[in-house]
C-alpha cells in the first residue's frame, strides 16, 4: 500500500476515533438517568406480566434484535428468559405488510396485533423522524402501552409520542448508533440485574 494511502487512512481513522471519544465524553448524568428510568420501565412491565417490544429500521432494527437476544437469552448472567420481542424479524409478516399496506404501517399493524395496555415499546430511530416508527409509537400510546424513544440529532418528532426519550448527543449517524449500542448494553444489564435474584 502506498504511504500516502496509508497516511490518509490513518488520519481518517484518528479523526473518527476522536469524534467517537468526544461523543462519549459528552454523556453525563442525564444519559445515566435515562438508562435507569428505561430499565425501571422494562422491569415494571415484565414483573407485571407484560411484554417489551422493540423496533427500528436498518441499523436500528439490528439494535432491536440485538437487545432482544440479550434479554431472551442472557447478557452477562444466567436467569429466566424475559418476555421481550423484536418486531423486525418475521420476514413473512414483514413482507406481507409492506406489500399490502402503506410502508408507514409495517410496525403499527404489528403493534396493534401484539401490544396491550401495560406493555412497553422501545422505538429506535437515529433521526426520530422515521414515519413507520412514529406510527408505531402513536399506535402503542393509543393502546395504553408506554413508549421509550431512542434517537439522536435534535430528537425529531419521536419524543412527542414517548414517555421517555434518550437522545444521543450527535448529528452524525455512526456516532448516534454507537451511543445507542452503549445505551442498549447498559439497559440490558440493569434489566437483567433486576431478575438475577428472583
N, C-alpha and C. Protein backbone atom coordinates (compact mmCIF):
# COMPACT_ATOMS: atom_id res chain seq x y z
N UNK A 1 0.85 -1.18 0.00
CA UNK A 1 0.00 0.00 0.00
C UNK A 1 0.89 1.25 0.00
N UNK A 2 0.64 2.22 -0.88
CA UNK A 2 1.46 3.43 -0.91
C UNK A 2 1.35 4.17 0.43
N UNK A 3 2.45 4.83 0.80
CA UNK A 3 2.47 5.55 2.06
C UNK A 3 1.39 6.61 2.14
N UNK A 4 1.09 7.27 1.01
CA UNK A 4 0.07 8.32 1.00
C UNK A 4 -1.31 7.77 1.34
N UNK A 5 -1.61 6.55 0.82
CA UNK A 5 -2.88 5.92 1.13
C UNK A 5 -2.93 5.53 2.59
N UNK A 6 -1.85 4.95 3.09
CA UNK A 6 -1.77 4.56 4.49
C UNK A 6 -1.94 5.76 5.41
N UNK A 7 -1.27 6.86 5.07
CA UNK A 7 -1.36 8.07 5.88
C UNK A 7 -2.77 8.63 5.87
N UNK A 8 -3.39 8.66 4.70
CA UNK A 8 -4.76 9.17 4.60
C UNK A 8 -5.72 8.31 5.40
N UNK A 9 -5.56 6.99 5.31
CA UNK A 9 -6.43 6.09 6.07
C UNK A 9 -6.25 6.28 7.56
N UNK A 10 -4.99 6.38 7.98
CA UNK A 10 -4.73 6.54 9.40
C UNK A 10 -5.27 7.87 9.92
N UNK A 11 -5.16 8.92 9.13
CA UNK A 11 -5.70 10.22 9.53
C UNK A 11 -7.22 10.17 9.67
N UNK A 12 -7.86 9.48 8.72
CA UNK A 12 -9.31 9.33 8.79
C UNK A 12 -9.71 8.56 10.05
N UNK A 13 -9.03 7.46 10.32
CA UNK A 13 -9.36 6.65 11.49
C UNK A 13 -9.15 7.43 12.78
N UNK A 14 -8.06 8.19 12.83
CA UNK A 14 -7.82 9.01 14.03
C UNK A 14 -8.94 10.03 14.23
N UNK A 15 -9.38 10.63 13.12
CA UNK A 15 -10.46 11.61 13.21
C UNK A 15 -11.75 10.96 13.71
N UNK A 16 -12.07 9.79 13.17
CA UNK A 16 -13.29 9.10 13.61
C UNK A 16 -13.18 8.66 15.07
N UNK A 17 -12.03 8.19 15.47
CA UNK A 17 -11.83 7.80 16.86
C UNK A 17 -12.01 9.02 17.77
N UNK A 18 -11.45 10.15 17.38
CA UNK A 18 -11.58 11.37 18.17
C UNK A 18 -13.05 11.79 18.27
N UNK A 19 -13.79 11.70 17.16
CA UNK A 19 -15.21 12.04 17.16
C UNK A 19 -15.98 11.14 18.12
N UNK A 20 -15.68 9.85 18.08
CA UNK A 20 -16.36 8.90 18.97
C UNK A 20 -16.04 9.19 20.43
N UNK A 21 -14.78 9.48 20.71
CA UNK A 21 -14.39 9.79 22.08
C UNK A 21 -15.08 11.04 22.58
N UNK A 22 -15.17 12.05 21.72
CA UNK A 22 -15.83 13.29 22.12
C UNK A 22 -17.32 13.08 22.36
N UNK A 23 -17.93 12.25 21.54
CA UNK A 23 -19.35 11.96 21.71
C UNK A 23 -19.61 11.23 23.02
N UNK A 24 -18.79 10.24 23.32
CA UNK A 24 -18.94 9.52 24.58
C UNK A 24 -18.63 10.42 25.77
N UNK A 25 -17.67 11.31 25.62
CA UNK A 25 -17.31 12.22 26.71
C UNK A 25 -18.44 13.20 27.01
N UNK A 26 -19.30 13.46 26.03
CA UNK A 26 -20.42 14.38 26.22
C UNK A 26 -21.55 13.76 27.04
N UNK A 27 -21.50 12.45 27.24
CA UNK A 27 -22.55 11.78 28.02
C UNK A 27 -22.37 12.10 29.50
N UNK A 28 -23.48 12.39 30.15
CA UNK A 28 -23.42 12.75 31.55
C UNK A 28 -24.51 12.08 32.36
N UNK A 29 -24.86 12.72 33.47
CA UNK A 29 -25.84 12.14 34.38
C UNK A 29 -27.22 12.00 33.74
N UNK A 30 -27.54 12.88 32.78
CA UNK A 30 -28.84 12.75 32.12
C UNK A 30 -28.92 11.46 31.31
N UNK A 31 -27.81 11.06 30.71
CA UNK A 31 -27.74 9.79 29.98
C UNK A 31 -27.94 8.62 30.94
N UNK A 32 -27.25 8.66 32.08
CA UNK A 32 -27.39 7.59 33.06
C UNK A 32 -28.79 7.55 33.63
N UNK A 33 -29.38 8.71 33.86
CA UNK A 33 -30.75 8.76 34.39
C UNK A 33 -31.74 8.18 33.39
N UNK A 34 -31.52 8.43 32.09
CA UNK A 34 -32.40 7.87 31.07
C UNK A 34 -32.31 6.35 31.05
N UNK A 35 -31.10 5.81 31.19
CA UNK A 35 -30.93 4.35 31.23
C UNK A 35 -31.65 3.77 32.44
N UNK A 36 -31.46 4.40 33.60
CA UNK A 36 -32.10 3.91 34.83
C UNK A 36 -33.61 3.94 34.70
N UNK A 37 -34.15 5.02 34.16
CA UNK A 37 -35.60 5.13 34.01
C UNK A 37 -36.13 4.12 33.00
N UNK A 38 -35.40 3.95 31.89
CA UNK A 38 -35.82 2.98 30.87
C UNK A 38 -35.79 1.56 31.41
N UNK A 39 -34.78 1.24 32.20
CA UNK A 39 -34.70 -0.10 32.80
C UNK A 39 -35.82 -0.30 33.80
N UNK A 40 -36.11 0.72 34.59
CA UNK A 40 -37.19 0.61 35.57
C UNK A 40 -38.53 0.37 34.88
N UNK A 41 -38.75 1.04 33.74
CA UNK A 41 -39.99 0.82 32.99
C UNK A 41 -40.08 -0.60 32.48
N UNK A 42 -38.97 -1.13 31.97
CA UNK A 42 -38.97 -2.50 31.46
C UNK A 42 -39.19 -3.50 32.59
N UNK A 43 -38.54 -3.30 33.71
CA UNK A 43 -38.67 -4.22 34.84
C UNK A 43 -40.11 -4.20 35.36
N UNK A 44 -40.69 -3.02 35.48
CA UNK A 44 -42.08 -2.92 35.94
C UNK A 44 -43.02 -3.63 34.98
N UNK A 45 -42.80 -3.45 33.69
CA UNK A 45 -43.63 -4.11 32.68
C UNK A 45 -43.53 -5.62 32.79
N UNK A 46 -42.31 -6.13 32.86
CA UNK A 46 -42.10 -7.58 32.89
C UNK A 46 -42.62 -8.20 34.18
N UNK A 47 -42.39 -7.54 35.30
CA UNK A 47 -42.90 -8.07 36.58
C UNK A 47 -44.42 -8.05 36.63
N UNK A 48 -45.02 -7.13 35.86
CA UNK A 48 -46.47 -7.05 35.83
C UNK A 48 -47.10 -7.99 34.82
N UNK A 49 -46.30 -8.83 34.18
CA UNK A 49 -46.82 -9.79 33.22
C UNK A 49 -46.93 -9.26 31.81
N UNK A 50 -46.41 -8.07 31.55
CA UNK A 50 -46.46 -7.50 30.22
C UNK A 50 -45.25 -7.89 29.39
N UNK A 51 -45.25 -7.42 28.16
CA UNK A 51 -44.15 -7.70 27.26
C UNK A 51 -43.44 -6.42 26.84
N UNK A 52 -42.19 -6.57 26.46
CA UNK A 52 -41.39 -5.46 25.95
C UNK A 52 -41.14 -5.73 24.46
N UNK A 53 -41.44 -4.77 23.62
CA UNK A 53 -41.33 -4.91 22.17
C UNK A 53 -40.40 -3.83 21.62
N UNK A 54 -39.52 -4.22 20.71
CA UNK A 54 -38.55 -3.30 20.16
C UNK A 54 -38.66 -3.25 18.64
N UNK A 55 -38.38 -2.07 18.07
CA UNK A 55 -38.42 -1.95 16.62
C UNK A 55 -37.52 -0.80 16.16
N UNK A 56 -37.20 -0.84 14.88
CA UNK A 56 -36.41 0.20 14.23
C UNK A 56 -36.10 -0.24 12.81
N UNK A 57 -35.51 0.65 12.05
CA UNK A 57 -35.16 0.38 10.65
C UNK A 57 -33.65 0.25 10.49
N UNK A 58 -33.21 -0.60 9.58
CA UNK A 58 -31.79 -0.70 9.26
C UNK A 58 -30.95 -1.08 10.47
N UNK A 59 -29.95 -0.23 10.77
CA UNK A 59 -29.11 -0.48 11.94
C UNK A 59 -29.91 -0.50 13.22
N UNK A 60 -30.98 0.28 13.28
CA UNK A 60 -31.84 0.29 14.47
C UNK A 60 -32.62 -1.02 14.60
N UNK A 61 -32.95 -1.64 13.46
CA UNK A 61 -33.56 -2.97 13.50
C UNK A 61 -32.58 -3.97 14.09
N UNK A 62 -31.31 -3.84 13.71
CA UNK A 62 -30.28 -4.71 14.27
C UNK A 62 -30.16 -4.50 15.77
N UNK A 63 -30.25 -3.25 16.23
CA UNK A 63 -30.23 -2.98 17.67
C UNK A 63 -31.41 -3.64 18.36
N UNK A 64 -32.59 -3.51 17.76
CA UNK A 64 -33.79 -4.11 18.35
C UNK A 64 -33.61 -5.62 18.53
N UNK A 65 -33.07 -6.27 17.52
CA UNK A 65 -32.85 -7.71 17.59
C UNK A 65 -31.73 -8.06 18.58
N UNK A 66 -30.70 -7.26 18.59
CA UNK A 66 -29.56 -7.49 19.50
C UNK A 66 -30.02 -7.42 20.94
N UNK A 67 -30.71 -6.34 21.32
CA UNK A 67 -31.12 -6.18 22.72
C UNK A 67 -32.15 -7.23 23.12
N UNK A 68 -33.00 -7.60 22.17
CA UNK A 68 -33.95 -8.68 22.44
C UNK A 68 -33.22 -9.98 22.74
N UNK A 69 -32.21 -10.29 21.94
CA UNK A 69 -31.44 -11.52 22.14
C UNK A 69 -30.77 -11.54 23.51
N UNK A 70 -30.27 -10.38 23.96
CA UNK A 70 -29.61 -10.31 25.26
C UNK A 70 -30.56 -10.63 26.40
N UNK A 71 -31.84 -10.26 26.24
CA UNK A 71 -32.79 -10.42 27.34
C UNK A 71 -33.58 -11.72 27.27
N UNK A 72 -33.78 -12.26 26.07
CA UNK A 72 -34.39 -13.59 25.97
C UNK A 72 -33.35 -14.65 26.30
N UNK A 73 -32.14 -14.41 25.84
CA UNK A 73 -31.01 -15.28 26.22
C UNK A 73 -30.42 -14.78 27.52
N UNK A 74 -29.15 -14.44 27.47
CA UNK A 74 -28.54 -13.82 28.65
C UNK A 74 -27.58 -12.74 28.18
N UNK A 75 -27.44 -11.73 29.01
CA UNK A 75 -26.47 -10.67 28.73
C UNK A 75 -25.15 -11.02 29.40
N UNK A 76 -25.15 -11.04 30.73
CA UNK A 76 -23.94 -11.41 31.47
C UNK A 76 -24.16 -12.55 32.46
N UNK A 77 -25.41 -12.85 32.78
CA UNK A 77 -25.67 -13.81 33.86
C UNK A 77 -26.82 -14.74 33.49
N UNK A 78 -26.78 -15.93 34.05
CA UNK A 78 -27.88 -16.88 33.88
C UNK A 78 -29.10 -16.43 34.68
N UNK A 79 -30.27 -16.55 34.07
CA UNK A 79 -31.54 -16.21 34.72
C UNK A 79 -32.64 -16.73 33.81
N UNK A 80 -33.88 -16.56 34.24
CA UNK A 80 -35.00 -16.96 33.40
C UNK A 80 -35.09 -16.05 32.17
N UNK A 81 -35.54 -16.57 31.03
CA UNK A 81 -35.72 -15.73 29.86
C UNK A 81 -36.82 -14.70 30.10
N UNK A 82 -36.68 -13.55 29.47
CA UNK A 82 -37.63 -12.46 29.67
C UNK A 82 -38.52 -12.29 28.44
N UNK A 83 -39.72 -11.78 28.66
CA UNK A 83 -40.75 -11.64 27.63
C UNK A 83 -40.48 -10.40 26.78
N UNK A 84 -39.50 -10.52 25.89
CA UNK A 84 -39.03 -9.41 25.07
C UNK A 84 -39.05 -9.85 23.60
N UNK A 85 -39.49 -8.96 22.70
CA UNK A 85 -39.70 -9.32 21.30
C UNK A 85 -39.21 -8.21 20.37
N UNK A 86 -38.61 -8.57 19.25
CA UNK A 86 -38.28 -7.62 18.19
C UNK A 86 -39.32 -7.74 17.09
N UNK A 87 -39.92 -6.63 16.70
CA UNK A 87 -40.94 -6.64 15.66
C UNK A 87 -40.34 -6.47 14.26
N UNK A 88 -39.11 -6.91 14.11
CA UNK A 88 -38.39 -6.74 12.85
C UNK A 88 -37.99 -8.07 12.21
N UNK A 89 -38.36 -9.20 12.82
CA UNK A 89 -37.71 -10.45 12.46
C UNK A 89 -38.57 -11.46 11.68
N UNK A 90 -39.89 -11.26 11.64
CA UNK A 90 -40.74 -12.22 10.93
C UNK A 90 -40.82 -11.78 9.47
N UNK A 91 -40.00 -12.38 8.62
CA UNK A 91 -39.89 -11.91 7.24
C UNK A 91 -41.19 -12.07 6.46
N UNK A 92 -41.95 -13.11 6.73
CA UNK A 92 -43.22 -13.30 6.01
C UNK A 92 -44.23 -12.23 6.39
N UNK A 93 -44.36 -11.98 7.69
CA UNK A 93 -45.25 -10.91 8.13
C UNK A 93 -44.79 -9.56 7.59
N UNK A 94 -43.49 -9.31 7.72
CA UNK A 94 -42.94 -8.01 7.32
C UNK A 94 -43.17 -7.75 5.85
N UNK A 95 -42.86 -8.73 5.00
CA UNK A 95 -43.01 -8.51 3.56
C UNK A 95 -44.48 -8.46 3.15
N UNK A 96 -45.34 -9.21 3.83
CA UNK A 96 -46.77 -9.14 3.54
C UNK A 96 -47.31 -7.75 3.85
N UNK A 97 -46.89 -7.20 4.99
CA UNK A 97 -47.37 -5.87 5.38
C UNK A 97 -46.87 -4.80 4.41
N UNK A 98 -45.61 -4.89 4.02
CA UNK A 98 -45.06 -3.92 3.07
C UNK A 98 -45.77 -4.02 1.72
N UNK A 99 -46.16 -5.23 1.34
CA UNK A 99 -46.84 -5.45 0.06
C UNK A 99 -48.29 -4.97 0.08
N UNK A 100 -48.97 -5.16 1.22
CA UNK A 100 -50.41 -4.95 1.28
C UNK A 100 -50.84 -3.63 1.89
N UNK A 101 -49.93 -2.95 2.58
CA UNK A 101 -50.29 -1.72 3.29
C UNK A 101 -49.26 -0.63 3.00
N UNK A 102 -49.60 0.62 3.29
CA UNK A 102 -48.60 1.68 3.15
C UNK A 102 -47.40 1.39 4.04
N UNK A 103 -46.18 1.75 3.61
CA UNK A 103 -44.98 1.37 4.36
C UNK A 103 -44.95 1.87 5.79
N UNK A 104 -45.62 3.01 6.06
CA UNK A 104 -45.59 3.51 7.44
C UNK A 104 -46.42 2.66 8.39
N UNK A 105 -47.17 1.69 7.86
CA UNK A 105 -48.00 0.83 8.71
C UNK A 105 -47.29 -0.48 9.09
N UNK A 106 -46.07 -0.71 8.61
CA UNK A 106 -45.42 -2.01 8.79
C UNK A 106 -45.22 -2.36 10.26
N UNK A 107 -44.97 -1.37 11.11
CA UNK A 107 -44.84 -1.64 12.54
C UNK A 107 -46.15 -1.39 13.28
N UNK A 108 -46.91 -0.39 12.86
CA UNK A 108 -48.14 -0.05 13.57
C UNK A 108 -49.11 -1.22 13.60
N UNK A 109 -49.20 -1.94 12.50
CA UNK A 109 -50.14 -3.07 12.46
C UNK A 109 -49.66 -4.19 13.39
N UNK A 110 -48.36 -4.41 13.47
CA UNK A 110 -47.84 -5.39 14.42
C UNK A 110 -48.06 -4.94 15.86
N UNK A 111 -47.94 -3.66 16.10
CA UNK A 111 -48.22 -3.14 17.44
C UNK A 111 -49.66 -3.42 17.82
N UNK A 112 -50.59 -3.18 16.90
CA UNK A 112 -52.00 -3.46 17.18
C UNK A 112 -52.23 -4.94 17.42
N UNK A 113 -51.49 -5.78 16.75
CA UNK A 113 -51.67 -7.22 16.90
C UNK A 113 -51.15 -7.73 18.24
N UNK A 114 -50.06 -7.16 18.72
CA UNK A 114 -49.35 -7.77 19.84
C UNK A 114 -49.37 -6.99 21.15
N UNK A 115 -49.37 -5.67 21.11
CA UNK A 115 -49.26 -4.90 22.34
C UNK A 115 -50.61 -4.69 23.01
N UNK A 116 -50.55 -4.64 24.33
CA UNK A 116 -51.73 -4.39 25.15
C UNK A 116 -51.39 -3.33 26.19
N UNK A 117 -52.43 -2.82 26.85
CA UNK A 117 -52.21 -1.86 27.92
C UNK A 117 -51.22 -2.45 28.93
N UNK A 118 -50.25 -1.66 29.33
CA UNK A 118 -49.25 -2.12 30.27
C UNK A 118 -47.99 -2.67 29.64
N UNK A 119 -48.02 -2.89 28.33
CA UNK A 119 -46.80 -3.32 27.63
C UNK A 119 -45.89 -2.11 27.40
N UNK A 120 -44.70 -2.40 26.89
CA UNK A 120 -43.70 -1.36 26.65
C UNK A 120 -43.14 -1.49 25.25
N UNK A 121 -43.09 -0.38 24.52
CA UNK A 121 -42.49 -0.35 23.20
C UNK A 121 -41.20 0.47 23.27
N UNK A 122 -40.12 -0.09 22.72
CA UNK A 122 -38.86 0.64 22.58
C UNK A 122 -38.70 0.95 21.11
N UNK A 123 -38.81 2.23 20.76
CA UNK A 123 -38.78 2.68 19.37
C UNK A 123 -37.43 3.34 19.10
N UNK A 124 -36.66 2.76 18.17
CA UNK A 124 -35.30 3.21 17.90
C UNK A 124 -35.25 3.87 16.53
N UNK A 125 -34.77 5.11 16.49
CA UNK A 125 -34.66 5.85 15.22
C UNK A 125 -33.56 6.89 15.37
N UNK A 126 -32.53 6.82 14.55
CA UNK A 126 -31.42 7.77 14.70
C UNK A 126 -31.88 9.20 14.47
N UNK A 127 -32.84 9.41 13.59
CA UNK A 127 -33.32 10.76 13.29
C UNK A 127 -34.51 11.16 14.14
N UNK A 128 -35.26 10.17 14.60
CA UNK A 128 -36.51 10.46 15.31
C UNK A 128 -37.64 10.84 14.39
N UNK A 129 -37.46 10.63 13.09
CA UNK A 129 -38.47 11.04 12.12
C UNK A 129 -38.93 9.93 11.18
N UNK A 130 -38.56 8.69 11.43
CA UNK A 130 -38.96 7.59 10.55
C UNK A 130 -40.48 7.41 10.63
N UNK A 131 -41.20 7.55 9.51
CA UNK A 131 -42.66 7.50 9.57
C UNK A 131 -43.22 6.22 10.18
N UNK A 132 -42.61 5.07 9.85
CA UNK A 132 -43.16 3.82 10.39
C UNK A 132 -42.90 3.68 11.89
N UNK A 133 -41.81 4.26 12.38
CA UNK A 133 -41.53 4.24 13.82
C UNK A 133 -42.49 5.18 14.55
N UNK A 134 -42.72 6.36 13.98
CA UNK A 134 -43.66 7.32 14.59
C UNK A 134 -45.06 6.74 14.66
N UNK A 135 -45.51 6.09 13.58
CA UNK A 135 -46.86 5.49 13.58
C UNK A 135 -46.96 4.39 14.62
N UNK A 136 -45.91 3.61 14.78
CA UNK A 136 -45.93 2.54 15.77
C UNK A 136 -46.00 3.12 17.17
N UNK A 137 -45.23 4.16 17.44
CA UNK A 137 -45.26 4.79 18.76
C UNK A 137 -46.63 5.39 19.04
N UNK A 138 -47.19 6.05 18.03
CA UNK A 138 -48.53 6.63 18.18
C UNK A 138 -49.56 5.54 18.48
N UNK A 139 -49.47 4.44 17.75
CA UNK A 139 -50.41 3.33 17.95
C UNK A 139 -50.26 2.72 19.33
N UNK A 140 -49.01 2.55 19.78
CA UNK A 140 -48.78 1.98 21.11
C UNK A 140 -49.40 2.85 22.20
N UNK A 141 -49.21 4.15 22.08
CA UNK A 141 -49.79 5.05 23.08
C UNK A 141 -51.31 4.96 23.09
N UNK A 142 -51.91 4.83 21.91
CA UNK A 142 -53.37 4.75 21.83
C UNK A 142 -53.91 3.48 22.48
N UNK A 143 -53.08 2.45 22.55
CA UNK A 143 -53.47 1.18 23.17
C UNK A 143 -53.24 1.17 24.68
N UNK A 144 -52.60 2.18 25.20
CA UNK A 144 -52.29 2.23 26.62
C UNK A 144 -50.94 1.64 26.98
N UNK A 145 -50.11 1.39 25.98
CA UNK A 145 -48.74 0.94 26.23
C UNK A 145 -47.85 2.16 26.43
N UNK A 146 -46.74 1.97 27.10
CA UNK A 146 -45.76 3.04 27.25
C UNK A 146 -44.70 2.92 26.16
N UNK A 147 -44.04 4.04 25.89
CA UNK A 147 -43.08 4.09 24.78
C UNK A 147 -41.79 4.74 25.25
N UNK A 148 -40.68 4.07 24.97
CA UNK A 148 -39.35 4.63 25.15
C UNK A 148 -38.80 4.94 23.76
N UNK A 149 -38.34 6.16 23.54
CA UNK A 149 -37.71 6.54 22.30
C UNK A 149 -36.20 6.57 22.46
N UNK A 150 -35.51 6.00 21.49
CA UNK A 150 -34.04 6.01 21.47
C UNK A 150 -33.65 6.65 20.14
N UNK A 151 -33.10 7.86 20.20
CA UNK A 151 -32.89 8.61 18.98
C UNK A 151 -31.62 9.45 19.07
N UNK A 152 -31.50 10.43 18.17
CA UNK A 152 -30.32 11.29 18.14
C UNK A 152 -30.65 12.61 17.49
N UNK A 153 -29.62 13.34 17.07
CA UNK A 153 -29.77 14.65 16.43
C UNK A 153 -30.56 15.56 17.38
N UNK A 154 -31.68 16.16 16.91
CA UNK A 154 -32.47 17.01 17.81
C UNK A 154 -33.66 16.25 18.39
N UNK A 155 -33.68 14.92 18.21
CA UNK A 155 -34.78 14.11 18.70
C UNK A 155 -35.87 13.89 17.67
N UNK A 156 -35.98 14.81 16.71
CA UNK A 156 -37.02 14.69 15.71
C UNK A 156 -38.41 14.77 16.32
N UNK A 157 -39.36 14.12 15.69
CA UNK A 157 -40.76 14.12 16.16
C UNK A 157 -41.04 13.03 17.17
N UNK A 158 -40.12 12.09 17.32
CA UNK A 158 -40.39 10.93 18.17
C UNK A 158 -40.69 11.28 19.63
N UNK A 159 -39.99 12.20 20.28
CA UNK A 159 -40.26 12.46 21.69
C UNK A 159 -41.72 12.80 22.00
N UNK A 160 -42.43 13.37 21.04
CA UNK A 160 -43.84 13.74 21.27
C UNK A 160 -44.71 12.52 21.52
N UNK A 161 -44.25 11.33 21.11
CA UNK A 161 -45.03 10.11 21.27
C UNK A 161 -44.49 9.22 22.40
N UNK A 162 -43.52 9.71 23.14
CA UNK A 162 -42.81 8.87 24.10
C UNK A 162 -43.03 9.29 25.54
N UNK A 163 -42.99 8.30 26.42
CA UNK A 163 -42.99 8.57 27.86
C UNK A 163 -41.58 8.92 28.34
N UNK A 164 -40.58 8.43 27.63
CA UNK A 164 -39.18 8.68 27.96
C UNK A 164 -38.40 8.64 26.66
N UNK A 165 -37.45 9.57 26.50
CA UNK A 165 -36.62 9.59 25.29
C UNK A 165 -35.16 9.76 25.66
N UNK A 166 -34.30 8.96 25.04
CA UNK A 166 -32.86 9.15 25.14
C UNK A 166 -32.39 9.67 23.78
N UNK A 167 -31.82 10.88 23.78
CA UNK A 167 -31.33 11.49 22.54
C UNK A 167 -29.81 11.49 22.58
N UNK A 168 -29.18 10.72 21.69
CA UNK A 168 -27.72 10.69 21.62
C UNK A 168 -27.21 12.06 21.22
N UNK A 169 -26.16 12.56 21.87
CA UNK A 169 -25.68 13.92 21.64
C UNK A 169 -24.79 14.03 20.39
N UNK A 170 -25.39 13.80 19.23
CA UNK A 170 -24.64 13.89 17.98
C UNK A 170 -25.61 14.06 16.82
N UNK A 171 -25.12 14.64 15.73
CA UNK A 171 -25.89 14.73 14.49
C UNK A 171 -25.32 13.78 13.43
N UNK A 172 -24.36 12.97 13.81
CA UNK A 172 -23.68 12.05 12.89
C UNK A 172 -24.20 10.64 13.12
N UNK A 173 -24.80 10.05 12.11
CA UNK A 173 -25.46 8.75 12.28
C UNK A 173 -24.56 7.67 12.89
N UNK A 174 -23.31 7.47 12.42
CA UNK A 174 -22.49 6.44 13.05
C UNK A 174 -22.25 6.69 14.54
N UNK A 175 -22.04 7.95 14.94
CA UNK A 175 -21.82 8.24 16.36
C UNK A 175 -23.10 8.01 17.15
N UNK A 176 -24.24 8.37 16.57
CA UNK A 176 -25.52 8.12 17.24
C UNK A 176 -25.70 6.63 17.47
N UNK A 177 -25.40 5.82 16.46
CA UNK A 177 -25.57 4.38 16.58
C UNK A 177 -24.62 3.80 17.63
N UNK A 178 -23.45 4.37 17.77
CA UNK A 178 -22.51 3.89 18.80
C UNK A 178 -23.03 4.20 20.19
N UNK A 179 -23.64 5.36 20.37
CA UNK A 179 -24.25 5.69 21.66
C UNK A 179 -25.46 4.79 21.92
N UNK A 180 -26.22 4.50 20.88
CA UNK A 180 -27.36 3.58 21.04
C UNK A 180 -26.89 2.21 21.52
N UNK A 181 -25.79 1.73 20.98
CA UNK A 181 -25.27 0.44 21.42
C UNK A 181 -24.90 0.48 22.90
N UNK A 182 -24.25 1.54 23.33
CA UNK A 182 -23.90 1.68 24.74
C UNK A 182 -25.15 1.74 25.60
N UNK A 183 -26.13 2.54 25.17
CA UNK A 183 -27.41 2.62 25.88
C UNK A 183 -28.03 1.23 26.01
N UNK A 184 -28.08 0.50 24.89
CA UNK A 184 -28.72 -0.82 24.90
C UNK A 184 -28.02 -1.80 25.81
N UNK A 185 -26.70 -1.81 25.79
CA UNK A 185 -25.97 -2.73 26.66
C UNK A 185 -26.21 -2.40 28.13
N UNK A 186 -26.15 -1.13 28.48
CA UNK A 186 -26.35 -0.75 29.89
C UNK A 186 -27.79 -0.98 30.32
N UNK A 187 -28.73 -0.73 29.42
CA UNK A 187 -30.14 -1.01 29.70
C UNK A 187 -30.35 -2.50 29.95
N UNK A 188 -29.79 -3.34 29.09
CA UNK A 188 -29.91 -4.78 29.28
C UNK A 188 -29.29 -5.22 30.60
N UNK A 189 -28.17 -4.64 30.96
CA UNK A 189 -27.51 -5.03 32.21
C UNK A 189 -28.38 -4.70 33.41
N UNK A 190 -28.98 -3.52 33.44
CA UNK A 190 -29.83 -3.17 34.58
C UNK A 190 -31.09 -4.02 34.62
N UNK A 191 -31.70 -4.27 33.46
CA UNK A 191 -32.89 -5.12 33.44
C UNK A 191 -32.53 -6.53 33.92
N UNK A 192 -31.46 -7.09 33.40
CA UNK A 192 -31.05 -8.42 33.81
C UNK A 192 -30.75 -8.48 35.30
N UNK A 193 -30.09 -7.47 35.81
CA UNK A 193 -29.73 -7.43 37.23
C UNK A 193 -30.95 -7.52 38.12
N UNK A 194 -32.06 -6.90 37.68
CA UNK A 194 -33.28 -6.91 38.47
C UNK A 194 -33.88 -8.30 38.60
N UNK A 195 -33.57 -9.20 37.64
CA UNK A 195 -34.17 -10.53 37.65
C UNK A 195 -33.20 -11.61 38.11
N UNK A 196 -31.97 -11.26 38.36
CA UNK A 196 -30.99 -12.28 38.75
C UNK A 196 -31.28 -12.87 40.11
N UNK A 197 -31.85 -12.08 41.01
CA UNK A 197 -32.08 -12.55 42.38
C UNK A 197 -33.46 -13.15 42.58
N UNK A 198 -34.26 -13.19 41.50
CA UNK A 198 -35.63 -13.71 41.65
C UNK A 198 -35.66 -15.20 41.42
